[in-house]
Amino acid sequence: MRGRFTAVSELCRRHPVALGAALTFSLSLLLRWLYLQAAPDRTWPFSIFFYGDTRFFHAYAVDLARGHEGPAALPYHPPLFPWLLGLLYRVLGPPQGSAYPYKLALALLNAATVAFTGWWWRKVLGTGWSLLGAALFACSFGWLVLSTTYSNEVLYVLFLSATCALMLQHRAGPTWTGAVLLGAVMGLGSLTRAEHLYLWPFLLAWAWLYRGATPWRTLAPRWGAALLTTAVVLAPWAVHNARVLRELNARTPHLEPLPVLAPITVYGPINFAMANHAAATGGFTPDSVNQAGQEGFLDVANPSQRHLLLHGYAEGLAWMKAHPADAARLWGAKLDRWLDGFRLGLGASNLPSGLHGNRAPVDVFVPEAAWLKWPLTLLLLAGAALSLRPAWRPFALFTAVLLHRALITVAFFGYTRGLLAVFPALIPLLLLPFLVLASRAQASKWAARLPAIAAAALLLFWVEAGLLALTAPRRFMASGSTDHSSGKLIQDDWVRIWPG
């Protein structure tokens, strides 16, 4: 027995980072499994706390798994997540009345993302603070929800994490291999969420500021190779979209033709118009789609929808120009919705905020309690300000990522899940003020032990999830708009949720 203990001790001494990542992965997956065991929706393809685009993802994945290719459809959603789901349907078999195996597979992917992110956080946060950050990521209630349902954020956060890791690794200038790898990750991330493509200017700006003594003309060819790689990754899907759009134009020769160049999706103009008008609320609402006809479904033969697909940016900008004060208030409402991500707490019970709240259309549940929102917002602003100081310049990368997401939010819809999607950049900025304070109190043993103590305290959320998993699945009540014919809740509208 003593020999085995010595062998384990030697293994820990030789490979502490790998073992730490393995432990982080195991604990993250365990918590997601325990959360699923206590969830009444564990076999449903969606979650009580998040509905999103589940219906589309499931239908697309079923067609892929069965090898069926339907008629040409408007390329509205990025394709990579439904491709992943279709692959799971092929490997694990098509759904047989339960989405549990696929939810567990997505939970495994997110647990790996938590471990991977905690691994590279060590380079900027150090071991103790990266351990605390990984624990916060692992037990985030928002991520317990998103990682156990059909959410493309599960895949996107992995690519965002990889993007940040590669940028930090090559901050003095990428190698040729690093440039190609970064370009590929950026392309795959863009095929998951289209706005990821527009992160490139922010990454290049940070790289230019961080280049040090290396001449930009030396680095430019390698950054060019990264951009070219992204274009190559997007090219096959862009060719597919061009073929589809030509076919759709041929079906509607009496209408203004749609542009055939669409590297990822065509939803930019119409989403911009739906997000910026007199009746806009800051988030996505079904009414803004329904007013264009077709009961909320997009139809390229519908003249009003066709107009927005082509001229949505002009429509939205015209309204902003005519109503600047209303536009400014709308921007504030969008950011407020985005920052509602800070209302979400920790563990399976979303402590301390609780489980009484609302689920906005195509968004994640938001609790009524707002105790965490503004203190965490101030902490984020403090971290962003500190990241601009020379001593903490690597953290400016995370500020650039948050700035990109904030601008996307202001331009389009305010989604609470949008804040969860940037956790790899968000958590380091939240921890940076504490890291700075601890660095100024190096003589104190408590300053060095604080992150480990805090991370250990978070393990109580694993105990809570285990106790909940041992009991009967929890019950929840919901109210909202109902379909007149079936009497069922309209999942794409506002839904109020509370424990039953």
Protein backbone atom coordinates (compact mmCIF):
# COMPACT_ATOMS: atom_id res chain seq x y z
CA MET A 1 0.00 0.00 0.00
CA ARG A 2 2.85 2.33 0.89
CA GLY A 3 4.49 1.60 -2.46
CA ARG A 4 1.33 2.53 -4.33
CA PHE A 5 1.03 5.76 -2.38
CA THR A 6 4.63 6.61 -3.22
CA ALA A 7 3.99 5.92 -6.92
CA VAL A 8 0.93 8.18 -6.94
CA SER A 9 2.87 10.89 -5.11
CA GLU A 10 5.69 10.65 -7.65
CA LEU A 11 3.19 10.85 -10.53
CA CYS A 12 1.65 13.98 -9.04
CA ARG A 13 5.09 15.53 -8.62
CA ARG A 14 6.12 14.82 -12.21
CA HIS A 15 2.84 15.71 -13.96
CA PRO A 16 0.97 18.18 -11.76
CA VAL A 17 -0.53 20.15 -14.67
CA ALA A 18 -1.86 17.09 -16.52
CA LEU A 19 -3.31 15.63 -13.34
CA GLY A 20 -4.88 18.96 -12.47
CA ALA A 21 -6.54 19.12 -15.88
CA ALA A 22 -7.76 15.53 -15.54
CA LEU A 23 -9.21 16.27 -12.10
CA THR A 24 -10.89 19.43 -13.38
CA PHE A 25 -12.43 17.50 -16.25
CA SER A 26 -13.64 14.70 -13.98
CA LEU A 27 -15.20 17.02 -11.43
CA SER A 28 -16.84 19.16 -14.11
CA LEU A 29 -18.35 16.12 -15.81
CA LEU A 30 -19.49 14.71 -12.47
CA LEU A 31 -21.33 17.92 -11.60
CA ARG A 32 -23.04 18.02 -15.00
CA TRP A 33 -24.11 14.40 -14.64
CA LEU A 34 -25.46 15.01 -11.13
CA TYR A 35 -27.33 18.07 -12.39
CA LEU A 36 -28.90 16.00 -15.17
CA GLN A 37 -29.93 13.26 -12.73
CA ALA A 38 -31.94 15.74 -10.69
CA ALA A 39 -33.43 17.54 -13.72
CA PRO A 40 -36.99 16.72 -14.82
CA ASP A 41 -36.00 17.60 -18.40
CA ARG A 42 -33.03 15.26 -18.68
CA THR A 43 -34.64 13.24 -21.49
CA TRP A 44 -36.03 16.25 -23.38
CA PRO A 45 -34.07 17.75 -26.32
CA PHE A 46 -34.41 21.16 -24.65
CA SER A 47 -34.24 22.43 -21.08
CA ILE A 48 -36.84 24.10 -18.90
CA PHE A 49 -34.30 26.89 -18.51
CA PHE A 50 -33.30 27.16 -22.18
CA TYR A 51 -35.17 26.44 -25.40
CA GLY A 52 -33.25 28.41 -28.02
CA ASP A 53 -33.00 26.89 -31.50
CA THR A 54 -33.46 23.31 -30.26
CA ARG A 55 -36.20 22.52 -32.75
CA PHE A 56 -34.07 23.56 -35.74
CA PHE A 57 -30.92 21.82 -34.47
CA HIS A 58 -32.78 18.56 -33.89
CA ALA A 59 -34.52 18.55 -37.29
CA TYR A 60 -31.29 19.41 -39.14
CA ALA A 61 -29.33 16.74 -37.26
CA VAL A 62 -31.97 14.08 -37.96
CA ASP A 63 -31.79 14.80 -41.70
CA LEU A 64 -27.99 14.59 -41.61
CA ALA A 65 -28.00 11.33 -39.67
CA ARG A 66 -30.46 9.77 -42.13
CA GLY A 67 -28.63 11.10 -45.18
CA HIS A 68 -31.62 13.14 -46.28
CA GLU A 69 -31.05 16.43 -48.03
CA GLY A 70 -34.18 18.52 -48.18
CA PRO A 71 -34.97 21.32 -50.62
CA ALA A 72 -32.69 24.36 -50.70
CA ALA A 73 -33.31 26.40 -47.57
CA LEU A 74 -32.15 29.88 -46.65
CA PRO A 75 -28.76 29.59 -44.87
CA TYR A 76 -29.91 31.28 -41.68
CA HIS A 77 -28.09 29.30 -38.96
CA PRO A 78 -24.34 28.57 -38.82
CA PRO A 79 -23.94 24.86 -39.57
CA LEU A 80 -21.28 23.45 -37.26
CA PHE A 81 -23.34 22.68 -34.14
CA PRO A 82 -26.11 20.85 -36.02
CA TRP A 83 -23.36 18.95 -37.85
CA LEU A 84 -21.96 17.88 -34.48
CA LEU A 85 -25.42 16.87 -33.29
CA GLY A 86 -25.97 14.92 -36.50
CA LEU A 87 -22.67 13.11 -35.90
CA LEU A 88 -23.83 12.19 -32.41
CA TYR A 89 -27.09 10.86 -33.87
CA ARG A 90 -25.09 8.69 -36.26
CA VAL A 91 -22.68 7.39 -33.62
CA LEU A 92 -25.16 6.89 -30.79
CA GLY A 93 -28.13 6.10 -32.99
CA PRO A 94 -31.09 8.32 -33.84
CA PRO A 95 -33.25 9.58 -30.96
CA GLN A 96 -35.55 6.93 -29.50
CA GLY A 97 -37.71 9.10 -27.29
CA SER A 98 -34.87 10.32 -25.07
CA ALA A 99 -32.22 13.01 -25.59
CA TYR A 100 -30.26 11.90 -22.50
CA PRO A 101 -27.30 10.27 -24.33
CA TYR A 102 -26.75 13.34 -26.50
CA LYS A 103 -27.07 15.71 -23.55
CA LEU A 104 -24.48 13.67 -21.68
CA ALA A 105 -22.16 13.84 -24.71
CA LEU A 106 -22.50 17.64 -24.79
CA ALA A 107 -21.83 17.74 -21.05
CA LEU A 108 -18.65 15.78 -21.67
CA LEU A 109 -17.58 18.28 -24.34
CA ASN A 110 -18.17 21.20 -21.98
CA ALA A 111 -16.32 19.48 -19.14
CA ALA A 112 -13.35 19.11 -21.48
CA THR A 113 -13.64 22.81 -22.34
CA VAL A 114 -13.55 23.74 -18.65
CA ALA A 115 -10.42 21.63 -18.15
CA PHE A 116 -8.72 23.00 -21.26
CA THR A 117 -9.55 26.58 -20.29
CA GLY A 118 -8.28 26.09 -16.74
CA TRP A 119 -5.07 24.65 -18.18
CA TRP A 120 -4.17 27.71 -20.26
CA TRP A 121 -5.45 30.17 -17.64
CA ARG A 122 -2.41 29.13 -15.58
CA LYS A 123 -0.21 31.18 -17.91
CA VAL A 124 -1.92 34.44 -16.96
CA LEU A 125 -3.53 33.72 -13.58
CA GLY A 126 -1.10 31.31 -11.97
CA THR A 127 -2.00 27.91 -10.54
CA GLY A 128 -4.15 28.96 -7.59
CA TRP A 129 -6.28 31.55 -9.35
CA SER A 130 -6.72 29.37 -12.45
CA LEU A 131 -7.98 26.59 -10.18
CA LEU A 132 -10.55 28.98 -8.70
CA GLY A 133 -11.54 30.19 -12.17
CA ALA A 134 -12.05 26.63 -13.39
CA ALA A 135 -14.18 25.86 -10.32
CA LEU A 136 -16.36 28.92 -11.03
CA PHE A 137 -16.72 27.87 -14.68
CA ALA A 138 -17.53 24.29 -13.70
CA CYS A 139 -20.26 25.13 -11.19
CA SER A 140 -21.81 28.09 -13.01
CA PHE A 141 -25.57 27.47 -13.08
CA GLY A 142 -25.78 29.02 -16.55
CA TRP A 143 -23.24 26.55 -17.85
CA LEU A 144 -24.89 23.62 -16.08
CA VAL A 145 -27.97 24.53 -18.14
CA LEU A 146 -26.28 25.24 -21.49
CA SER A 147 -23.95 22.24 -21.33
CA THR A 148 -26.83 19.82 -20.85
CA THR A 149 -29.08 20.92 -23.70
CA TYR A 150 -28.93 21.57 -27.44
CA SER A 151 -27.05 24.86 -27.31
CA ASN A 152 -24.45 25.91 -29.87
CA GLU A 153 -22.71 27.87 -27.10
CA VAL A 154 -21.41 24.49 -25.88
CA LEU A 155 -19.32 24.19 -29.02
CA TYR A 156 -18.64 27.89 -29.47
CA VAL A 157 -17.06 28.41 -26.03
CA LEU A 158 -14.47 25.74 -26.89
CA PHE A 159 -13.41 27.62 -30.02
CA LEU A 160 -13.34 30.95 -28.18
CA SER A 161 -11.20 29.38 -25.47
CA ALA A 162 -8.83 27.94 -28.09
CA THR A 163 -8.65 31.33 -29.83
CA CYS A 164 -7.60 33.07 -26.61
CA ALA A 165 -5.09 30.32 -25.78
CA LEU A 166 -3.43 30.55 -29.19
CA MET A 167 -3.30 34.34 -29.09
CA LEU A 168 -1.58 34.26 -25.70
CA GLN A 169 0.83 31.56 -26.84
CA HIS A 170 1.82 33.58 -29.93
CA ARG A 171 1.45 37.10 -28.51
CA ALA A 172 4.95 38.06 -29.63
CA GLY A 173 4.15 36.81 -33.12
CA PRO A 174 2.79 33.48 -34.39
CA THR A 175 4.88 30.77 -35.91
CA TRP A 176 3.69 29.54 -39.30
CA THR A 177 2.15 26.50 -37.63
CA GLY A 178 0.55 28.69 -34.97
CA ALA A 179 -0.88 31.02 -37.61
CA VAL A 180 -2.50 28.16 -39.52
CA LEU A 181 -3.90 26.66 -36.32
CA LEU A 182 -5.31 30.00 -35.19
CA GLY A 183 -6.86 30.60 -38.60
CA ALA A 184 -8.50 27.16 -38.53
CA VAL A 185 -9.91 27.73 -35.03
CA MET A 186 -11.25 31.14 -36.06
CA GLY A 187 -12.92 29.57 -39.10
CA LEU A 188 -14.52 26.78 -37.06
CA GLY A 189 -15.66 29.26 -34.42
CA SER A 190 -17.25 31.39 -37.15
CA LEU A 191 -19.11 28.35 -38.48
CA THR A 192 -20.53 27.96 -34.97
CA ARG A 193 -21.41 31.60 -34.31
CA ALA A 194 -21.06 33.98 -37.26
CA GLU A 195 -20.01 36.99 -35.16
CA HIS A 196 -16.80 35.19 -34.22
CA LEU A 197 -15.42 36.12 -37.66
CA TYR A 198 -15.57 39.79 -36.67
CA LEU A 199 -13.33 39.15 -33.69
CA TRP A 200 -10.37 39.27 -36.10
CA PRO A 201 -9.89 43.10 -36.03
CA PHE A 202 -9.82 43.05 -32.22
CA LEU A 203 -7.27 40.23 -32.15
CA LEU A 204 -5.04 41.97 -34.68
CA ALA A 205 -5.24 45.26 -32.77
CA TRP A 206 -4.14 43.50 -29.58
CA ALA A 207 -1.36 41.69 -31.45
CA TRP A 208 -0.12 44.97 -32.94
CA LEU A 209 0.03 46.60 -29.49
CA TYR A 210 1.81 43.56 -28.05
CA ARG A 211 4.31 43.04 -30.86
CA GLY A 212 7.19 44.58 -28.88
CA ALA A 213 10.36 45.08 -30.90
CA THR A 214 9.37 42.69 -33.68
CA PRO A 215 8.78 44.65 -36.90
CA TRP A 216 5.23 44.45 -38.14
CA ARG A 217 6.40 43.69 -41.67
CA THR A 218 7.99 40.51 -40.29
CA LEU A 219 4.75 39.45 -38.61
CA ALA A 220 2.34 40.55 -41.34
CA PRO A 221 2.86 37.48 -43.64
CA ARG A 222 2.11 35.11 -40.77
CA TRP A 223 -1.02 36.98 -39.72
CA GLY A 224 -1.95 36.97 -43.40
CA ALA A 225 -1.58 33.19 -43.41
CA ALA A 226 -3.93 32.98 -40.42
CA LEU A 227 -6.55 35.07 -42.21
CA LEU A 228 -6.14 33.01 -45.37
CA THR A 229 -6.62 29.79 -43.39
CA THR A 230 -9.88 31.14 -41.98
CA ALA A 231 -11.04 31.89 -45.53
CA VAL A 232 -10.11 28.36 -46.64
CA VAL A 233 -12.10 26.83 -43.77
CA LEU A 234 -15.15 28.93 -44.66
CA ALA A 235 -14.87 28.37 -48.42
CA PRO A 236 -16.77 25.04 -48.74
CA TRP A 237 -19.76 26.38 -46.81
CA ALA A 238 -19.65 29.64 -48.79
CA VAL A 239 -19.77 27.63 -52.04
CA HIS A 240 -22.74 25.66 -50.69
CA ASN A 241 -24.52 28.89 -49.75
CA ALA A 242 -23.88 30.39 -53.19
CA ARG A 243 -25.48 27.35 -54.84
CA VAL A 244 -28.51 27.53 -52.53
CA LEU A 245 -28.97 31.27 -53.00
CA ARG A 246 -28.77 30.96 -56.78
CA GLU A 247 -31.47 28.29 -56.62
CA LEU A 248 -33.66 30.49 -54.40
CA ASN A 249 -33.19 33.42 -56.78
CA ALA A 250 -34.22 31.21 -59.70
CA ARG A 251 -37.45 30.33 -57.86
CA THR A 252 -38.32 34.00 -57.34
CA PRO A 253 -37.30 35.79 -60.56
CA HIS A 254 -39.87 38.56 -59.94
CA LEU A 255 -38.10 39.71 -56.74
CA GLU A 256 -34.81 41.53 -56.19
CA PRO A 257 -32.09 38.84 -56.18
CA LEU A 258 -30.36 37.82 -52.98
CA PRO A 259 -26.57 38.25 -52.98
CA VAL A 260 -24.91 34.89 -53.51
CA LEU A 261 -21.84 35.71 -51.41
CA ALA A 262 -22.64 34.54 -47.87
CA PRO A 263 -19.60 32.98 -46.16
CA ILE A 264 -21.64 31.84 -43.15
CA THR A 265 -25.26 33.05 -43.01
CA VAL A 266 -27.59 35.67 -44.46
CA TYR A 267 -29.15 36.71 -41.16
CA GLY A 268 -27.13 39.89 -40.57
CA PRO A 269 -29.39 42.43 -42.30
CA ILE A 270 -32.74 41.01 -41.17
CA ASN A 271 -31.56 40.53 -37.58
CA PHE A 272 -30.24 44.10 -37.53
CA ALA A 273 -33.59 45.43 -38.73
CA MET A 274 -35.53 43.32 -36.20
CA ALA A 275 -33.23 44.48 -33.40
CA ASN A 276 -33.44 48.20 -34.18
CA HIS A 277 -36.90 49.68 -34.61
CA ALA A 278 -39.48 51.60 -32.59
CA ALA A 279 -41.02 48.53 -30.93
CA ALA A 280 -37.71 46.77 -30.16
CA THR A 281 -37.21 45.70 -26.53
CA GLY A 282 -33.49 44.96 -26.52
CA GLY A 283 -33.95 41.22 -26.89
CA PHE A 284 -35.38 38.95 -29.54
CA THR A 285 -39.17 38.88 -29.66
CA PRO A 286 -41.36 36.70 -31.88
CA ASP A 287 -43.58 39.69 -32.70
CA SER A 288 -40.81 41.33 -34.70
CA VAL A 289 -40.70 38.25 -36.95
CA ASN A 290 -44.45 37.71 -37.08
CA GLN A 291 -45.06 41.23 -38.34
CA ALA A 292 -43.18 40.27 -41.51
CA GLY A 293 -45.72 37.52 -42.17
CA GLN A 294 -45.50 33.72 -42.51
CA GLU A 295 -46.26 33.17 -38.78
CA GLY A 296 -42.68 33.83 -37.76
CA PHE A 297 -41.06 31.65 -40.44
CA LEU A 298 -38.71 33.12 -43.00
CA ASP A 299 -39.85 32.87 -46.61
CA VAL A 300 -37.69 34.34 -49.36
CA ALA A 301 -40.82 34.74 -51.52
CA ASN A 302 -42.37 37.08 -48.93
CA PRO A 303 -41.68 40.62 -50.26
CA SER A 304 -41.43 42.26 -46.81
CA GLN A 305 -39.03 39.62 -45.53
CA ARG A 306 -37.04 39.73 -48.77
CA HIS A 307 -36.68 43.49 -48.31
CA LEU A 308 -35.26 43.03 -44.80
CA LEU A 309 -32.90 40.27 -45.97
CA LEU A 310 -31.48 42.71 -48.51
CA HIS A 311 -31.83 46.12 -46.89
CA GLY A 312 -32.10 45.41 -43.16
CA TYR A 313 -28.98 47.38 -42.28
CA ALA A 314 -30.27 50.45 -44.11
CA GLU A 315 -33.65 50.13 -42.37
CA GLY A 316 -32.12 49.86 -38.91
CA LEU A 317 -29.64 52.68 -39.45
CA ALA A 318 -32.38 54.93 -40.84
CA TRP A 319 -34.42 54.42 -37.67
CA MET A 320 -31.39 55.15 -35.47
CA LYS A 321 -30.66 58.33 -37.39
CA ALA A 322 -34.26 59.51 -37.08
CA HIS A 323 -34.55 58.58 -33.36
CA PRO A 324 -31.09 58.93 -31.75
CA ALA A 325 -32.39 59.22 -28.16
CA ASP A 326 -34.56 56.10 -28.54
CA ALA A 327 -31.64 54.27 -30.14
CA ALA A 328 -29.40 55.17 -27.19
CA ARG A 329 -32.01 53.89 -24.72
CA LEU A 330 -32.31 50.71 -26.75
CA TRP A 331 -28.55 50.18 -26.61
CA GLY A 332 -28.74 50.46 -22.83
CA ALA A 333 -31.57 47.90 -22.75
CA LYS A 334 -29.53 45.47 -24.85
CA LEU A 335 -26.49 45.77 -22.59
CA ASP A 336 -28.73 45.38 -19.56
CA ARG A 337 -30.08 42.10 -20.97
CA TRP A 338 -26.52 40.98 -21.68
CA LEU A 339 -25.35 41.82 -18.16
CA ASP A 340 -28.26 39.81 -16.75
CA GLY A 341 -25.83 36.92 -17.16
CA PHE A 342 -24.37 38.12 -13.85
CA ARG A 343 -27.68 37.32 -12.14
CA LEU A 344 -26.99 33.64 -12.67
CA GLY A 345 -25.32 32.07 -9.68
CA LEU A 346 -23.66 28.79 -8.82
CA GLY A 347 -24.62 25.18 -8.40
CA ALA A 348 -27.72 23.22 -9.30
CA SER A 349 -29.92 25.60 -7.27
CA ASN A 350 -28.47 28.80 -8.78
CA LEU A 351 -27.35 30.18 -5.43
CA PRO A 352 -27.71 32.85 -4.17
CA SER A 353 -30.20 34.05 -6.81
CA GLY A 354 -32.60 31.10 -6.74
CA LEU A 355 -34.87 29.55 -9.34
CA HIS A 356 -37.75 32.03 -9.54
CA GLY A 357 -37.50 33.99 -12.77
CA ASN A 358 -38.19 34.31 -16.47
CA ARG A 359 -36.94 32.83 -19.72
CA ALA A 360 -36.88 35.31 -22.58
CA PRO A 361 -37.41 34.12 -26.18
CA VAL A 362 -34.38 32.24 -27.53
CA ASP A 363 -32.49 32.97 -24.32
CA VAL A 364 -31.52 31.39 -21.04
CA PHE A 365 -33.45 31.65 -17.76
CA VAL A 366 -32.79 34.78 -15.67
CA PRO A 367 -33.67 34.80 -11.94
CA GLU A 368 -35.61 37.69 -10.43
CA ALA A 369 -32.94 38.44 -7.84
CA ALA A 370 -30.26 40.86 -9.07
CA TRP A 371 -27.91 40.81 -6.07
CA LEU A 372 -24.90 39.68 -8.08
CA LYS A 373 -25.42 41.73 -11.24
CA TRP A 374 -24.10 45.17 -10.39
CA PRO A 375 -21.26 44.18 -8.01
CA LEU A 376 -19.95 41.79 -10.68
CA THR A 377 -20.40 44.45 -13.38
CA LEU A 378 -18.27 46.88 -11.35
CA LEU A 379 -15.71 44.13 -10.77
CA LEU A 380 -15.58 43.47 -14.53
CA LEU A 381 -15.04 47.16 -15.26
CA ALA A 382 -12.25 47.25 -12.66
CA GLY A 383 -10.60 44.22 -14.27
CA ALA A 384 -10.90 45.77 -17.74
CA ALA A 385 -9.32 49.01 -16.49
CA LEU A 386 -6.44 47.13 -14.83
CA SER A 387 -5.85 45.16 -18.04
CA LEU A 388 -4.83 48.39 -19.78
CA ARG A 389 -1.86 48.83 -17.45
CA PRO A 390 1.50 47.57 -18.81
CA ALA A 391 1.97 45.09 -15.95
CA TRP A 392 -1.25 43.28 -16.86
CA ARG A 393 -1.23 43.71 -20.62
CA PRO A 394 -1.99 40.04 -21.46
CA PHE A 395 -5.40 40.59 -19.86
CA ALA A 396 -6.11 43.27 -22.47
CA LEU A 397 -6.83 40.39 -24.85
CA PHE A 398 -9.82 39.48 -22.69
CA THR A 399 -10.95 43.09 -22.64
CA ALA A 400 -10.81 43.11 -26.45
CA VAL A 401 -12.98 39.96 -26.57
CA LEU A 402 -15.51 41.51 -24.16
CA LEU A 403 -15.54 44.76 -26.14
CA HIS A 404 -16.25 42.82 -29.34
CA ARG A 405 -19.14 41.00 -27.68
CA ALA A 406 -20.54 44.22 -26.20
CA LEU A 407 -20.53 45.90 -29.63
CA ILE A 408 -22.23 42.87 -31.22
CA THR A 409 -24.84 43.08 -28.45
CA VAL A 410 -25.45 46.79 -29.05
CA ALA A 411 -25.80 46.23 -32.78
CA PHE A 412 -28.12 43.22 -32.59
CA PHE A 413 -29.95 41.52 -29.70
CA GLY A 414 -29.22 41.57 -25.99
CA TYR A 415 -28.84 37.92 -25.01
CA THR A 416 -28.07 36.81 -21.46
CA ARG A 417 -26.46 33.68 -22.88
CA GLY A 418 -24.08 35.99 -24.78
CA LEU A 419 -22.32 36.78 -21.51
CA LEU A 420 -22.00 33.08 -20.67
CA ALA A 421 -20.46 32.45 -24.09
CA VAL A 422 -17.43 34.61 -23.26
CA PHE A 423 -16.55 32.92 -19.94
CA PRO A 424 -12.95 32.14 -21.06
CA ALA A 425 -12.34 35.91 -21.26
CA LEU A 426 -14.80 37.00 -18.59
CA ILE A 427 -13.56 35.07 -15.56
CA PRO A 428 -9.90 36.23 -15.79
CA LEU A 429 -11.08 39.86 -15.80
CA LEU A 430 -13.31 39.21 -12.78
CA LEU A 431 -10.39 37.65 -10.91
CA LEU A 432 -7.80 40.25 -11.96
CA PRO A 433 -8.63 42.81 -9.20
CA PHE A 434 -8.17 40.09 -6.56
CA LEU A 435 -4.97 38.94 -8.25
CA VAL A 436 -3.62 42.51 -8.09
CA LEU A 437 -4.54 42.86 -4.41
CA ALA A 438 -2.94 39.50 -3.62
CA SER A 439 0.26 40.46 -5.44
CA ARG A 440 0.53 43.54 -3.22
CA ALA A 441 0.12 41.41 -0.11
CA GLN A 442 2.65 38.74 -0.96
CA ALA A 443 3.95 38.59 2.59
CA SER A 444 0.56 37.35 3.80
CA LYS A 445 0.11 33.58 3.74
CA TRP A 446 -3.63 34.10 3.44
CA ALA A 447 -3.17 35.97 0.16
CA ALA A 448 -1.46 32.93 -1.37
CA ARG A 449 -3.95 30.47 0.09
CA LEU A 450 -7.12 32.41 -0.69
CA PRO A 451 -7.79 31.01 -4.20
CA ALA A 452 -7.27 27.41 -3.06
CA ILE A 453 -9.55 27.94 -0.05
CA ALA A 454 -12.23 29.53 -2.24
CA ALA A 455 -12.00 26.71 -4.80
CA ALA A 456 -12.31 24.11 -2.03
CA ALA A 457 -15.38 25.91 -0.66
CA LEU A 458 -17.02 25.65 -4.08
CA LEU A 459 -16.90 21.84 -3.77
CA LEU A 460 -19.97 22.20 -1.55
CA PHE A 461 -21.93 22.67 -4.78
CA TRP A 462 -20.93 19.13 -5.78
CA VAL A 463 -22.32 17.89 -2.45
CA GLU A 464 -25.55 19.80 -3.04
CA ALA A 465 -25.91 18.37 -6.56
CA GLY A 466 -25.26 14.87 -5.22
CA LEU A 467 -27.97 15.22 -2.59
CA LEU A 468 -30.43 16.49 -5.21
CA ALA A 469 -29.56 13.59 -7.52
CA LEU A 470 -30.41 11.08 -4.78
CA THR A 471 -33.96 12.42 -4.47
CA ALA A 472 -36.80 12.41 -6.97
CA PRO A 473 -36.35 14.78 -9.94
CA ARG A 474 -37.21 18.34 -9.01
CA ARG A 475 -40.47 19.81 -10.18
CA PHE A 476 -40.98 23.22 -11.78
CA MET A 477 -44.01 25.22 -12.75
CA ALA A 478 -44.22 27.43 -15.82
CA SER A 479 -46.64 29.98 -17.22
CA GLY A 480 -46.75 32.07 -20.38
CA SER A 481 -48.47 32.46 -23.71
CA THR A 482 -50.25 29.33 -24.94
CA ASP A 483 -51.15 27.98 -28.35
CA HIS A 484 -54.91 28.34 -28.85
CA SER A 485 -55.29 25.00 -30.62
CA SER A 486 -53.19 22.77 -28.34
CA GLY A 487 -53.15 24.75 -25.09
CA LYS A 488 -49.39 24.20 -24.81
CA LEU A 489 -46.90 26.87 -23.83
CA ILE A 490 -45.33 28.75 -26.72
CA GLN A 491 -41.69 27.97 -26.06
CA ASP A 492 -40.42 30.84 -28.24
CA ASP A 493 -42.17 33.45 -26.09
CA TRP A 494 -41.65 34.69 -22.53
CA VAL A 495 -42.00 31.91 -19.96
CA ARG A 496 -42.16 32.42 -16.19
CA ILE A 497 -40.56 29.58 -14.14
CA TRP A 498 -40.61 28.72 -10.44
CA PRO A 499 -40.02 25.57 -8.33
CA GLY A 500 -43.11 23.39 -7.97
